[in-house]
Protein backbone atom coordinates (compact mmCIF):
# COMPACT_ATOMS: atom_id res chain seq x y z
CA UNK A 1 -18.51 -64.11 12.99
CA UNK A 2 -20.77 -62.45 10.41
CA UNK A 3 -22.24 -60.22 13.11
CA UNK A 4 -18.72 -59.20 14.21
CA UNK A 5 -17.74 -58.28 10.64
CA UNK A 6 -20.90 -56.22 10.23
CA UNK A 7 -20.18 -54.49 13.51
CA UNK A 8 -16.65 -53.58 12.41
CA UNK A 9 -17.88 -52.34 9.04
CA UNK A 10 -20.55 -50.28 10.75
CA UNK A 11 -17.96 -48.69 13.04
CA UNK A 12 -15.75 -47.83 10.06
CA UNK A 13 -18.71 -46.33 8.19
CA UNK A 14 -19.71 -44.29 11.24
CA UNK A 15 -16.15 -43.02 11.70
CA UNK A 16 -15.95 -42.04 8.02
CA UNK A 17 -19.32 -40.30 8.23
CA UNK A 18 -18.16 -38.45 11.34
CA UNK A 19 -14.94 -37.32 9.66
CA UNK A 20 -16.87 -36.25 6.58
CA UNK A 21 -19.29 -34.28 8.72
CA UNK A 22 -16.45 -32.57 10.58
CA UNK A 23 -14.78 -31.62 7.32
CA UNK A 24 -18.04 -30.52 5.73
CA UNK A 25 -18.85 -28.12 8.56
CA UNK A 26 -15.29 -27.22 9.60
CA UNK A 27 -15.20 -23.50 10.47
CA UNK A 28 -13.10 -21.36 8.15
CA UNK A 29 -11.36 -19.88 11.19
CA UNK A 30 -10.13 -23.32 12.27
CA UNK A 31 -9.07 -24.27 8.74
CA UNK A 32 -6.95 -21.13 8.35
CA UNK A 33 -5.25 -21.89 11.66
CA UNK A 34 -4.54 -25.49 10.67
CA UNK A 35 -3.06 -24.33 7.35
CA UNK A 36 -0.54 -22.13 9.19
CA UNK A 37 -1.11 -19.08 7.01
CA UNK A 38 -0.04 -16.84 9.86
CA UNK A 39 3.52 -17.84 8.86
CA UNK A 40 3.30 -15.43 5.92
CA UNK A 41 1.64 -12.72 8.00
CA UNK A 42 -2.02 -13.53 7.27
CA UNK A 43 -4.35 -12.08 9.90
CA UNK A 44 -7.97 -10.93 10.11
CA UNK A 45 -10.34 -9.07 12.41
CA UNK A 46 -13.03 -11.76 12.11
CA UNK A 47 -13.51 -15.03 10.20
CA UNK A 48 -16.99 -16.47 9.64
CA UNK A 49 -18.62 -19.38 7.83
CA UNK A 50 -17.43 -22.85 6.90
CA UNK A 51 -14.22 -23.88 5.19
CA UNK A 52 -16.11 -24.16 1.88
CA UNK A 53 -17.95 -20.85 2.04
CA UNK A 54 -16.76 -18.23 4.49
CA UNK A 55 -16.01 -14.56 4.92
CA UNK A 56 -12.83 -12.93 6.17
CA UNK A 57 -13.24 -9.41 7.53
CA UNK A 58 -10.29 -7.01 7.26
CA UNK A 59 -7.87 -9.55 5.83
CA UNK A 60 -4.24 -8.51 6.30
CA UNK A 61 -1.13 -9.82 4.57
CA UNK A 62 1.57 -8.41 6.77
CA UNK A 63 0.89 -4.66 6.86
CA UNK A 64 -1.01 -4.78 3.56
CA UNK A 65 -4.81 -4.55 3.98
CA UNK A 66 -6.86 -6.64 1.52
CA UNK A 67 -10.22 -5.65 3.00
CA UNK A 68 -13.16 -8.00 3.56
CA UNK A 69 -13.34 -10.93 1.16
CA UNK A 70 -15.30 -14.08 0.46
CA UNK A 71 -13.24 -17.23 0.94
CA UNK A 72 -13.51 -20.94 0.26
CA UNK A 73 -11.26 -23.99 0.21
CA UNK A 74 -10.75 -25.57 -3.22
CA UNK A 75 -11.55 -29.33 -3.12
CA UNK A 76 -9.63 -29.93 -6.36
CA UNK A 77 -6.39 -28.57 -4.86
CA UNK A 78 -6.82 -30.87 -1.86
CA UNK A 79 -6.55 -33.83 -4.22
CA UNK A 80 -3.18 -32.39 -5.31
CA UNK A 81 -1.94 -32.18 -1.73
CA UNK A 82 -2.44 -28.42 -1.36
CA UNK A 83 -4.80 -26.30 0.71
CA UNK A 84 -5.88 -23.48 -1.61
CA UNK A 85 -8.12 -20.81 -0.10
CA UNK A 86 -9.74 -18.81 -2.90
CA UNK A 87 -10.51 -15.24 -1.85
CA UNK A 88 -12.41 -12.57 -3.75
CA UNK A 89 -13.94 -9.13 -3.46
CA UNK A 90 -15.62 -8.40 -6.80
CA UNK A 91 -18.02 -5.47 -6.65
CA UNK A 92 -16.93 -3.71 -9.82
CA UNK A 93 -14.88 -1.21 -7.81
CA UNK A 94 -11.26 -0.08 -8.34
CA UNK A 95 -10.13 -1.94 -5.21
CA UNK A 96 -11.53 -5.33 -6.29
CA UNK A 97 -9.17 -8.26 -5.76
CA UNK A 98 -9.26 -12.02 -6.31
CA UNK A 99 -6.78 -14.85 -6.00
CA UNK A 100 -5.76 -17.53 -3.54
CA UNK A 101 -3.66 -18.25 -0.46
CA UNK A 102 -2.02 -21.65 -0.93
CA UNK A 103 -0.23 -24.02 1.43
CA UNK A 104 1.36 -27.29 0.28
CA UNK A 105 4.11 -29.68 1.26
CA UNK A 106 7.11 -27.45 1.92
CA UNK A 107 5.60 -24.40 0.23
CA UNK A 108 3.43 -21.43 1.06
CA UNK A 109 2.37 -18.43 -1.01
CA UNK A 110 -0.27 -16.85 -3.24
CA UNK A 111 -1.75 -17.89 -6.60
CA UNK A 112 -3.44 -16.06 -9.48
CA UNK A 113 -3.84 -12.76 -7.63
CA UNK A 114 -5.37 -9.93 -9.67
CA UNK A 115 -6.47 -6.62 -8.21
CA UNK A 116 -5.48 -3.70 -6.03
CA UNK A 117 -3.42 -3.92 -2.84
CA UNK A 118 -3.29 -0.63 -0.91
CA UNK A 119 -0.02 -0.01 0.96
CA UNK A 120 -0.61 3.21 2.83
CA UNK A 121 2.74 4.16 4.41
CA UNK A 122 4.14 0.62 4.41
CA UNK A 123 7.26 1.65 2.47
CA UNK A 124 7.47 5.27 3.63
CA UNK A 125 9.31 7.49 2.85
CA UNK A 126 9.25 5.65 -0.50
CA UNK A 127 6.17 7.18 -2.20
CA UNK A 128 4.41 3.94 -3.19
CA UNK A 129 0.72 4.07 -2.32
CA UNK A 130 -0.44 0.71 -3.70
CA UNK A 131 0.17 -2.18 -6.06
CA UNK A 132 -1.96 -3.36 -8.98
CA UNK A 133 -1.40 -7.09 -9.47
CA UNK A 134 -2.10 -9.05 -12.64
CA UNK A 135 -2.11 -12.86 -12.40
CA UNK A 136 0.60 -12.88 -9.73
CA UNK A 137 1.63 -16.25 -8.31
CA UNK A 138 4.54 -16.70 -5.94
CA UNK A 139 5.57 -19.13 -3.24
CA UNK A 140 8.38 -19.79 -0.82
CA UNK A 141 9.83 -23.27 -0.47
CA UNK A 142 11.28 -23.31 3.02
CA UNK A 143 12.99 -19.94 3.32
CA UNK A 144 13.76 -19.72 -0.40
CA UNK A 145 11.68 -18.13 -3.16
CA UNK A 146 10.57 -21.16 -5.16
CA UNK A 147 8.66 -19.54 -8.03
CA UNK A 148 7.20 -16.17 -9.03
CA UNK A 149 5.33 -14.85 -12.07
CA UNK A 150 2.87 -12.14 -13.05
CA UNK A 151 2.94 -8.38 -13.53
CA UNK A 152 2.85 -5.58 -10.96
CA UNK A 153 2.26 -1.86 -11.31
CA UNK A 154 3.08 0.49 -8.45
CA UNK A 155 0.81 3.49 -7.89
CA UNK A 156 2.65 6.48 -6.46
CA UNK A 157 1.25 8.20 -3.38
CA UNK A 158 2.76 11.57 -4.22
CA UNK A 159 4.46 13.50 -6.99
CA UNK A 160 7.77 15.34 -7.13
CA UNK A 161 8.15 18.50 -9.24
CA UNK A 162 9.92 17.49 -12.44
CA UNK A 163 8.84 13.83 -12.30
CA UNK A 164 5.84 12.44 -14.19
CA UNK A 165 4.88 9.21 -12.45
CA UNK A 166 1.13 9.33 -13.08
CA UNK A 167 1.35 6.01 -14.95
CA UNK A 168 3.22 4.41 -12.07
CA UNK A 169 6.07 1.94 -12.43
CA UNK A 170 5.61 -1.63 -13.64
CA UNK A 171 7.47 -4.91 -14.03
CA UNK A 172 7.33 -8.69 -13.79
CA UNK A 173 7.80 -10.44 -10.44
CA UNK A 174 10.61 -12.97 -10.15
CA UNK A 175 12.74 -14.87 -7.66
CA UNK A 176 16.13 -13.52 -6.65
CA UNK A 177 17.75 -16.17 -4.48
CA UNK A 178 15.83 -16.30 -1.20
CA UNK A 179 13.85 -13.14 -1.98
CA UNK A 180 10.79 -12.33 -4.05
CA UNK A 181 11.84 -9.57 -6.47
CA UNK A 182 9.69 -6.77 -7.90
CA UNK A 183 11.79 -4.79 -10.44
CA UNK A 184 9.62 -1.80 -11.38
CA UNK A 185 10.41 0.76 -14.09
CA UNK A 186 8.63 3.94 -15.21
CA UNK A 187 7.58 4.59 -18.80
CA UNK A 188 10.58 6.86 -19.35
CA UNK A 189 12.97 4.29 -17.89
CA UNK A 190 14.60 7.00 -15.76
CA UNK A 191 12.83 6.00 -12.54
CA UNK A 192 13.21 2.54 -11.04
CA UNK A 193 12.03 0.83 -7.87
CA UNK A 194 13.52 -2.49 -6.79
CA UNK A 195 11.63 -4.28 -4.02
CA UNK A 196 12.84 -7.52 -2.40
CA UNK A 197 10.72 -9.45 0.12
CA UNK A 198 11.93 -12.42 2.15
CA UNK A 199 9.90 -15.25 3.71
CA UNK A 200 10.36 -13.68 7.15
CA UNK A 201 8.58 -10.52 5.95
CA UNK A 202 11.79 -8.49 5.81
CA UNK A 203 12.00 -6.20 2.81
CA UNK A 204 14.46 -3.86 1.11
CA UNK A 205 13.01 -1.22 -1.23
CA UNK A 206 15.23 0.99 -3.39
CA UNK A 207 14.23 3.86 -5.68
CA UNK A 208 16.64 5.29 -8.25
CA UNK A 209 16.02 8.41 -10.35
CA UNK A 210 18.38 9.24 -13.21
CA UNK A 211 18.69 13.02 -13.50
CA UNK A 212 21.22 15.73 -14.29
CA UNK A 213 18.80 18.48 -13.21
CA UNK A 214 20.18 20.16 -10.06
CA UNK A 215 16.74 21.57 -9.17
CA UNK A 216 15.16 18.10 -9.26
CA UNK A 217 18.12 16.68 -7.34
CA UNK A 218 17.55 19.31 -4.64
CA UNK A 219 13.83 18.45 -4.40
CA UNK A 220 14.60 14.73 -4.13
CA UNK A 221 17.30 15.44 -1.59
CA UNK A 222 14.71 17.11 0.65
CA UNK A 223 12.65 13.89 0.38
CA UNK A 224 15.54 11.77 1.65
CA UNK A 225 17.28 10.83 -1.62
CA UNK A 226 21.07 10.80 -1.82
CA UNK A 227 23.17 11.58 -4.88
CA UNK A 228 25.03 8.66 -6.50
CA UNK A 229 26.75 9.84 -9.70
CA UNK A 230 24.05 11.18 -12.05
CA UNK A 231 21.27 9.53 -10.05
CA UNK A 232 19.32 10.10 -6.87
CA UNK A 233 18.95 7.08 -4.64
CA UNK A 234 16.60 6.20 -1.74
CA UNK A 235 16.75 2.93 0.23
CA UNK A 236 14.19 1.75 2.78
CA UNK A 237 14.36 -1.40 4.92
CA UNK A 238 11.78 -2.88 7.25
CA UNK A 239 9.39 -5.72 7.98
CA UNK A 240 5.92 -6.21 6.58
């Protein structure tokens, strides 16, 4: 009987050691797949290393390129029932970024993201070239925006004669029903961009410019804006 008990205990210990070894050396690529991060549009050209210390080359969040980053799973978050993948590119350059991709029970999103996110022509013809994020956290619970906080500043990709948008437009992220809302306003308050993003990746971006200047209205009209009262209005819809 004693020998049988020892044998069972030994098998349990061996199984636990095997599971620990698998977790310890689990490839980052496999861990990302198991977490289901592709559901929010996460993709990469190549993933290397283990789940605790890996590298993701050409990380993409939808159509937004985050570049090549270091990545690692947070053991503390696992104890809270969440898989938090901390990512960072910190070289002292303007495009540095750090934060986390987080998956939990019934939720998926990003946490504590600070840095630059280039957009290219993602929202074209809306002239937004990139976003500067400051401690942005947001997640979807099911198909609904569950929580959002942090500040965002939009960098403009081009300038219109008569508009001074060199300082960009900024605002605080929030939830608006099912959508993540970015309400961005210029320093003058005359230019506004409202961006809504749904869990599916669908977005609606609207830019409004208050002006009574017919010359500026004509310039904006050539860029696709339409007159609405004393304002010029441009709306873009698509999928990230």
